[in-house]
C-alpha cells in the first residue's frame, strides 16, 4: 500500500477530500514539520510546502519517490533534494492567480491611495481630504510571465491599464501588450508606473532588480515585489527610495525573512509592507487539491510521464 504523508495545518480538508477517493492509499497527516519525525521514514509520497525538509531528512527516507510541493516556488527544495536526483518534484503552479493579483492590487492601491496616510489620520481623528492617484491609464510592467501574470493582465486591463512584460525572450504572451527580453530591462521599465516582480528566484535572478533598474525607472514609478526577496537588491532599493530615484515600493518579500527590526524599510513613508502572504488565501486547500488529486491518481496508475507541474531538476 502506498504511504502518502500530507503536512499542512488544514488537515481536515485533505482528509475529507482524499481518503474517500483513494481507499487503497495509506494516508498519514501532520500539521507541521515538527511532527513528521516518526512518519517520514516509510513515506513514499510527500505532499507539503516542505520548508522544513532538510538534506538529512531526504537522505534518511530511501522510500521517498515523489514530492508534491504545495506552492509554485521550489527554490527552498533545491538543497534538501540535491542528493536525491531520483525523487520526482512537482509544484503548485496555476492556482495562485487570484490571490497574487489581489495582493499586487493591494500594494498598488496602498501606494496610490496613500493608505498609510489614511490610517494614520484615522488614528489621529484627522479629517484630511486630498486627491489620490488612480490606476486608470497607468503603465504596469510585469517581470516574470507565467500563469499568474496572465491572470493579472486581465484584471489590470479591466482597470484601464497598459500591461507590458519582461521574460527570458521577447515572445508574445496573451494579454500582454508588449514583451521585452531580460536583456532590455532598462527599456522595459522606462515608462512603467509600476514594476511588478513575479520572476522565480534562482542563480540567474539573484538581485536582477538592482541599482541599474532603479536608475532606468521614472521618479514617479513604484516597485511591487511579491515574488522572492532575493530577486531585488534591497540595499539598492533603500537607496533609490531615500534619494527619490523611485517614488515607492510595495513589498511582500524580503532578502531576510522575517525582515530585521533594524531595516530602514519599516519606517519609510513611501513603503507599504505585508508579511510574505501573497500566495496565501482562505481557499488554498481547495485550490491545491485540484493539482494534488489528479497527480496522485496519475502516480498510482504509474503514469509518471503525465504528472502535472513537474519541476526540471539540474
Foldseek 3Di string as FASTA:
>chain_A
DAEEEEEAQPVVLCCVPPCVVCVPYHYDYHPHPVPCVVPQQAHQEYEECCLVQALVSVVNRVNHAEYEHLAQADPSCQHNCVVPPRHWYFYQPDLQQPLLLVLLVVFVCCQQVVVVVVVVCVVVVHDDDDDGDALAAAEEEEEADDNNNLSNLVVSVVSRYQYAYEDCPFDDDPSHPGYHYLVPLLVRQQRHQEYEYAHADDPVQFQSAFLSNLQSHQLNHEYEYLHEARNHPVVRVVVCCVVSSHPAYEYQYHPDPPDDPPDPLVPDSRYHYHPNCSRDDPCSSVSSVVQVVVQVVCVVVVVNVPRPRTDDRD
